[in-house]
Each structure stands twice: as structure tokens, then as C-alpha cells.
């Protein structure tokens, strides 16, 4: 199982030097993926959770491709309705080629109603637009030499039944975000049922979980996977491995903007996770 990190590409304190240090830390610790999030217009509903500056993912990953050599690069998640599908297909294909085939395209339908309005995209049609855009992107990659993508994997986000169906029909993997451990096991079983009902292969399981280390164990029934002591975090990752997941992405941003400016604590936790992962893989 591969392990990735969702690097914060937003908020005061984030600048090119911090992004470079994040990339070098993630690759240096031996992680497999470096992923970033997506917003275009930092409207009030976006800023409440992810304040400016917000570095656009395609341009940011293109730059980070030049300061890394091995780690795969991806989006978690690209908001599909925000861009013309042929523009997305072009940018993704170019980035994949420039990075030596390292791109992973995590995608989603979006949630920020004000941002949709600012971009002139109908919020109520975001699901249908996502489906149409994904089909158009795949058509461009498959039928036009100029859009050669090198088989970019598409990870479809969305924790709902609709998200799982979209992953089965249009994706290579299902990418649920920030879930409870028990809920993930139930959802993985449901994913197999949906695939069987639709007569399609079961997409790979590639969840994104929290990464928040605490001194004392977290015993709340609604604890998210990845929240707790380092033993709880590594056990959550081990349980995800036992579910047959192809990858798991760790998200160190938990709403505390001071940690954006002081990422060293997250890096220490990531180092402990990396050491545990190496020990498990070496068995």
C-alpha cells in the first residue's frame, strides 16, 4: 500500500519556500504521493476554512515537479466543474508528461456555493457537470494524440452513494475523505456491491484520512481515522491496509492555522508514520 501526504497549499504563512520544504520532506521521508487541494476564488465560504493565499494546483504541482524526482504528484481533490474539460485534459496531460508520468488526478464535485457563483457555474448541476467533464477528458486522452495522457489515474472523491457510483462508472479508484474507521470498512463493502450491481470492476480504495497526533488516546465514538496517539494513527493505517487499499493519503491540516506556519510538528508525526510503514513493508 502506498502512503501519500496532502500538503497545505493555502493560508497565510504558505509561500514557495514552505511548499518546497514540504515537498522535500515528503519525498525525503520516502512517502509515495504528494497531493494538494483546489480552489480558484477564495470567496467567504472558502476563506472560512481555507484562507488566502491559495496556490492553484496545476501550476503548483508543475513547479513542485521540478524540485522533486520520485514522489508522485496529485490533487485531492480537483473540483471538476470549475474548468473546461479540454483545458483540464490538456493541463493534466502536460503535467503528467513534464513530471515523467507522476500525476494522479483526484477529482470531486465541489461544495462552495459562493465560489460556483463567482465562476458562473451552476451549483445545482455540479454532479452532472462532473460526469460530463470526466467523460470528455477521457475521450480527449484516448482519441487525440495531442492530448496523450500516459494513462493518468482518476481518483473519484465523494463519501456519498453518488460518489461511489461515480467512482465505479468513471474512475480508477474511490477516494473518500476524512472518515471514521468503522465507516470506511462498511463503505468498502458497499462499493463492491455497487460495482456488482452495475456490472463493473471494483475501483481501488484510496482514502484520505486525517493526521492529528494527540498525547492521550482519543476514545470518542466519532473519532476520525488518523486522529489520536501515534499508535492509534498507525493502527488506523494498518486497518486500511487490511481492507486492501491501494493507497492512503494523510491530511495534516486540521483547522489550526498556526500549524501552517509551524509544520515541524506534522513532520515529526509523518516521520514516525514513515518508520512504521517501512517496518510493515519489510515483513
Protein backbone atom coordinates (compact mmCIF):
# COMPACT_ATOMS: atom_id res chain seq x y z
CA UNK A 1 0.00 0.00 0.00
CA UNK A 2 1.30 3.44 -0.92
CA UNK A 3 1.11 6.37 1.51
CA UNK A 4 0.74 9.99 0.48
CA UNK A 5 0.53 13.40 2.13
CA UNK A 6 -1.90 16.23 1.42
CA UNK A 7 0.38 19.26 1.60
CA UNK A 8 -1.33 22.53 2.64
CA UNK A 9 -1.21 24.90 -0.35
CA UNK A 10 -3.15 27.74 1.27
CA UNK A 11 -3.35 30.20 4.19
CA UNK A 12 -1.02 32.94 5.47
CA UNK A 13 2.44 31.53 6.02
CA UNK A 14 2.35 29.36 2.94
CA UNK A 15 4.82 30.57 0.34
CA UNK A 16 7.11 28.98 -2.28
CA UNK A 17 9.82 28.22 0.28
CA UNK A 18 7.38 26.45 2.62
CA UNK A 19 5.93 24.45 -0.27
CA UNK A 20 9.44 23.47 -1.35
CA UNK A 21 10.32 22.33 2.18
CA UNK A 22 7.10 20.33 2.38
CA UNK A 23 7.88 18.62 -0.91
CA UNK A 24 11.44 17.81 0.08
CA UNK A 25 10.29 16.49 3.46
CA UNK A 26 7.58 14.27 1.97
CA UNK A 27 9.93 12.85 -0.66
CA UNK A 28 12.84 12.61 1.76
CA UNK A 29 10.81 10.55 4.24
CA UNK A 30 10.00 8.09 1.48
CA UNK A 31 6.32 8.81 1.00
CA UNK A 32 4.82 7.82 -2.33
CA UNK A 33 2.49 10.73 -3.09
CA UNK A 34 2.42 14.49 -2.62
CA UNK A 35 -1.04 15.96 -3.13
CA UNK A 36 -2.60 19.44 -2.94
CA UNK A 37 -6.13 20.84 -2.81
CA UNK A 38 -8.09 23.04 -5.21
CA UNK A 39 -9.89 26.37 -5.04
CA UNK A 40 -9.83 29.17 -7.59
CA UNK A 41 -11.77 32.03 -5.98
CA UNK A 42 -11.36 32.46 -2.23
CA UNK A 43 -14.96 33.51 -1.58
CA UNK A 44 -16.10 33.94 2.04
CA UNK A 45 -17.31 30.35 2.33
CA UNK A 46 -13.93 29.09 1.12
CA UNK A 47 -11.92 31.55 3.24
CA UNK A 48 -13.70 30.39 6.40
CA UNK A 49 -11.89 27.05 6.06
CA UNK A 50 -9.02 27.75 3.67
CA UNK A 51 -7.94 31.40 3.77
CA UNK A 52 -5.84 33.07 1.07
CA UNK A 53 -3.34 32.79 -0.41
CA UNK A 54 -4.49 29.65 -2.19
CA UNK A 55 -2.00 28.22 -4.68
CA UNK A 56 -3.71 26.79 -7.77
CA UNK A 57 -2.95 23.05 -8.02
CA UNK A 58 -1.82 22.60 -11.62
CA UNK A 59 0.70 25.44 -11.51
CA UNK A 60 1.84 24.47 -8.01
CA UNK A 61 2.37 20.82 -8.91
CA UNK A 62 4.19 21.80 -12.11
CA UNK A 63 6.64 23.80 -10.01
CA UNK A 64 6.97 21.06 -7.37
CA UNK A 65 7.67 18.53 -10.12
CA UNK A 66 10.90 20.44 -10.71
CA UNK A 67 12.05 20.24 -7.08
CA UNK A 68 11.27 16.53 -6.69
CA UNK A 69 12.29 13.48 -8.67
CA UNK A 70 10.48 10.40 -7.39
CA UNK A 71 7.30 11.20 -5.47
CA UNK A 72 4.02 11.06 -7.39
CA UNK A 73 2.06 14.32 -7.60
CA UNK A 74 -1.68 14.70 -7.33
CA UNK A 75 -4.84 16.61 -6.48
CA UNK A 76 -7.12 15.86 -3.55
CA UNK A 77 -9.35 16.97 -4.98
CA UNK A 78 -9.58 18.94 -8.24
CA UNK A 79 -13.05 20.50 -8.45
CA UNK A 80 -14.09 19.30 -11.89
CA UNK A 81 -16.94 21.75 -12.78
CA UNK A 82 -14.68 24.79 -12.31
CA UNK A 83 -12.71 24.34 -15.55
CA UNK A 84 -13.45 23.47 -19.16
CA UNK A 85 -12.84 19.73 -19.62
CA UNK A 86 -10.49 20.18 -22.57
CA UNK A 87 -8.43 22.68 -20.57
CA UNK A 88 -8.21 20.18 -17.69
CA UNK A 89 -7.33 17.37 -20.07
CA UNK A 90 -4.58 19.49 -21.63
CA UNK A 91 -3.09 20.68 -18.33
CA UNK A 92 -3.20 17.21 -16.79
CA UNK A 93 -1.62 15.57 -19.84
CA UNK A 94 1.13 18.22 -19.99
CA UNK A 95 1.85 17.98 -16.26
CA UNK A 96 1.98 14.20 -16.44
CA UNK A 97 4.44 14.36 -19.34
CA UNK A 98 6.60 17.04 -17.74
CA UNK A 99 6.79 15.14 -14.44
CA UNK A 100 7.72 11.83 -16.02
CA UNK A 101 4.31 10.20 -15.61
CA UNK A 102 3.88 11.03 -11.93
CA UNK A 103 0.40 12.62 -11.94
CA UNK A 104 -2.60 11.29 -10.01
CA UNK A 105 -5.84 13.18 -10.63
CA UNK A 106 -8.12 13.14 -7.61
CA UNK A 107 -11.45 14.77 -8.53
CA UNK A 108 -14.64 15.94 -6.86
CA UNK A 109 -17.86 17.85 -7.46
CA UNK A 110 -17.19 20.75 -5.06
CA UNK A 111 -19.17 22.28 -2.20
CA UNK A 112 -18.56 26.08 -2.04
CA UNK A 113 -21.76 27.63 -3.39
CA UNK A 114 -20.35 31.19 -3.45
CA UNK A 115 -17.31 30.05 -5.43
CA UNK A 116 -19.56 28.40 -8.00
CA UNK A 117 -21.48 31.67 -8.32
CA UNK A 118 -18.28 33.68 -8.73
CA UNK A 119 -17.18 31.37 -11.55
CA UNK A 120 -20.58 31.39 -13.24
CA UNK A 121 -21.05 27.63 -12.81
CA UNK A 122 -24.50 26.33 -11.76
CA UNK A 123 -24.15 24.80 -8.32
CA UNK A 124 -27.17 22.53 -8.69
CA UNK A 125 -25.70 20.91 -11.81
CA UNK A 126 -22.27 20.18 -10.33
CA UNK A 127 -22.78 16.41 -10.26
CA UNK A 128 -23.95 16.17 -13.87
CA UNK A 129 -21.20 18.57 -14.98
CA UNK A 130 -18.59 16.45 -13.23
CA UNK A 131 -19.79 13.31 -15.03
CA UNK A 132 -19.85 15.07 -18.42
CA UNK A 133 -16.42 16.63 -17.91
CA UNK A 134 -14.80 13.36 -16.84
CA UNK A 135 -16.15 11.61 -19.94
CA UNK A 136 -14.91 14.45 -22.15
CA UNK A 137 -11.45 14.33 -20.57
CA UNK A 138 -11.15 10.59 -21.09
CA UNK A 139 -12.31 10.96 -24.69
CA UNK A 140 -9.67 13.64 -25.31
CA UNK A 141 -6.92 11.49 -23.82
CA UNK A 142 -7.93 8.37 -25.72
CA UNK A 143 -8.83 9.79 -29.12
CA UNK A 144 -6.49 12.73 -29.67
CA UNK A 145 -2.75 12.18 -29.93
CA UNK A 146 -2.12 15.77 -28.89
CA UNK A 147 -3.75 15.03 -25.53
CA UNK A 148 -1.74 11.87 -24.79
CA UNK A 149 -2.12 11.41 -21.03
CA UNK A 150 0.02 8.38 -20.36
CA UNK A 151 -2.87 6.75 -18.50
CA UNK A 152 -3.39 9.27 -15.70
CA UNK A 153 -5.27 7.54 -12.85
CA UNK A 154 -8.50 9.26 -11.81
CA UNK A 155 -9.44 9.01 -8.13
CA UNK A 156 -13.08 9.99 -7.64
CA UNK A 157 -13.82 11.69 -4.34
CA UNK A 158 -17.14 11.88 -2.55
CA UNK A 159 -18.26 9.93 0.51
CA UNK A 160 -21.87 9.60 -0.66
CA UNK A 161 -23.56 6.85 -2.62
CA UNK A 162 -23.40 9.11 -5.66
CA UNK A 163 -19.66 9.48 -5.22
CA UNK A 164 -19.20 5.72 -5.03
CA UNK A 165 -21.30 5.19 -8.17
CA UNK A 166 -19.29 7.86 -9.99
CA UNK A 167 -16.06 6.10 -8.97
CA UNK A 168 -17.35 2.77 -10.30
CA UNK A 169 -18.53 4.26 -13.59
CA UNK A 170 -15.91 6.90 -14.34
CA UNK A 171 -12.88 6.41 -12.10
CA UNK A 172 -9.97 4.13 -11.41
CA UNK A 173 -10.28 4.49 -7.64
CA UNK A 174 -12.66 5.70 -4.94
CA UNK A 175 -11.20 8.48 -2.78
CA UNK A 176 -13.34 9.10 0.33
CA UNK A 177 -12.26 11.97 2.56
CA UNK A 178 -11.82 12.07 6.37
CA UNK A 179 -13.89 9.13 7.55
CA UNK A 180 -14.31 7.15 10.77
CA UNK A 181 -12.55 3.76 10.83
CA UNK A 182 -15.73 1.69 11.09
CA UNK A 183 -17.47 3.73 8.40
CA UNK A 184 -14.64 3.08 5.95
CA UNK A 185 -14.94 -0.70 6.31
CA UNK A 186 -18.71 -0.51 5.76
CA UNK A 187 -18.29 1.77 2.74
CA UNK A 188 -15.67 -0.50 1.16
CA UNK A 189 -18.16 -3.36 1.32
CA UNK A 190 -20.87 -1.14 -0.17
CA UNK A 191 -18.52 -0.16 -3.00
CA UNK A 192 -18.19 -3.81 -4.00
CA UNK A 193 -21.98 -4.20 -4.02
CA UNK A 194 -22.45 -1.12 -6.23
CA UNK A 195 -19.83 -2.38 -8.68
CA UNK A 196 -21.53 -5.77 -8.85
CA UNK A 197 -24.94 -4.17 -9.42
CA UNK A 198 -23.51 -2.07 -12.27
CA UNK A 199 -21.56 -4.96 -13.75
CA UNK A 200 -18.29 -3.05 -13.45
CA UNK A 201 -14.90 -3.76 -11.83
CA UNK A 202 -14.46 -2.62 -8.25
CA UNK A 203 -12.34 0.57 -8.23
CA UNK A 204 -9.32 0.71 -5.97
CA UNK A 205 -9.80 2.03 -2.44
CA UNK A 206 -7.63 5.13 -1.79
CA UNK A 207 -8.97 7.08 1.23
CA UNK A 208 -7.71 10.40 2.56
CA UNK A 209 -7.67 10.43 6.34
CA UNK A 210 -6.76 12.99 8.99
CA UNK A 211 -3.32 13.21 10.56
CA UNK A 212 -3.58 14.67 14.05
CA UNK A 213 -1.38 13.27 16.79
CA UNK A 214 -2.51 13.61 20.43
CA UNK A 215 -0.75 12.82 23.67
CA UNK A 216 -3.63 10.82 25.09
CA UNK A 217 -5.78 8.24 23.24
CA UNK A 218 -8.94 9.58 21.63
CA UNK A 219 -11.90 7.46 22.69
CA UNK A 220 -14.82 9.44 21.25
CA UNK A 221 -17.12 7.25 19.14
CA UNK A 222 -16.95 9.71 16.24
CA UNK A 223 -13.14 9.72 16.13
CA UNK A 224 -11.84 10.14 12.60
CA UNK A 225 -9.27 7.74 11.26
CA UNK A 226 -5.82 9.27 11.73
CA UNK A 227 -6.71 11.19 14.90
CA UNK A 228 -5.15 10.04 18.18
CA UNK A 229 -1.86 8.82 19.55
CA UNK A 230 0.79 7.62 17.15
CA UNK A 231 -0.26 4.05 17.99
CA UNK A 232 -3.86 4.86 17.06
CA UNK A 233 -2.74 6.52 13.83
CA UNK A 234 -0.52 3.64 12.75
CA UNK A 235 -3.22 1.12 13.70
CA UNK A 236 -5.72 3.01 11.54
CA UNK A 237 -3.28 2.83 8.63
CA UNK A 238 -2.74 -0.88 9.24
CA UNK A 239 -6.51 -1.48 9.23
CA UNK A 240 -6.82 0.39 5.94
CA UNK A 241 -4.06 -1.83 4.55
CA UNK A 242 -6.04 -4.90 5.65
CA UNK A 243 -9.06 -3.58 3.72
CA UNK A 244 -6.97 -3.99 0.57
CA UNK A 245 -6.47 -0.27 -0.04
CA UNK A 246 -4.09 0.62 -2.84
CA UNK A 247 -3.09 3.87 -1.13
CA UNK A 248 -3.92 6.16 1.78
CA UNK A 249 -3.36 9.93 1.90
CA UNK A 250 -2.65 11.66 5.20
CA UNK A 251 -4.08 15.16 5.72
CA UNK A 252 -2.15 17.12 8.38
CA UNK A 253 -4.38 20.22 8.24
CA UNK A 254 -6.98 20.16 10.98
CA UNK A 255 -8.13 23.77 11.00
CA UNK A 256 -5.28 25.18 13.11
CA UNK A 257 -3.68 27.96 11.07
CA UNK A 258 -0.69 28.20 13.43
CA UNK A 259 0.38 24.76 12.22
CA UNK A 260 0.58 26.14 8.68
CA UNK A 261 3.37 28.45 9.84
CA UNK A 262 4.97 25.78 12.05
CA UNK A 263 4.82 22.47 10.15
CA UNK A 264 7.58 20.79 12.17
CA UNK A 265 5.14 19.01 14.47
CA UNK A 266 3.36 17.45 11.50
CA UNK A 267 6.72 16.46 10.04
CA UNK A 268 7.66 14.62 13.27
CA UNK A 269 4.41 12.67 13.10
CA UNK A 270 4.99 11.90 9.43
CA UNK A 271 8.49 10.64 10.25
CA UNK A 272 7.02 8.24 12.83
CA UNK A 273 4.41 7.04 10.33
CA UNK A 274 7.08 6.55 7.67
CA UNK A 275 9.21 4.47 10.04
CA UNK A 276 6.22 2.29 10.95
CA UNK A 277 5.31 1.86 7.29
CA UNK A 278 8.83 0.73 6.43
CA UNK A 279 8.72 -1.83 9.22
CA UNK A 280 5.39 -3.20 7.96
CA UNK A 281 6.51 -3.32 4.35
CA UNK A 282 9.69 -5.13 5.34
CA UNK A 283 7.85 -8.03 6.95
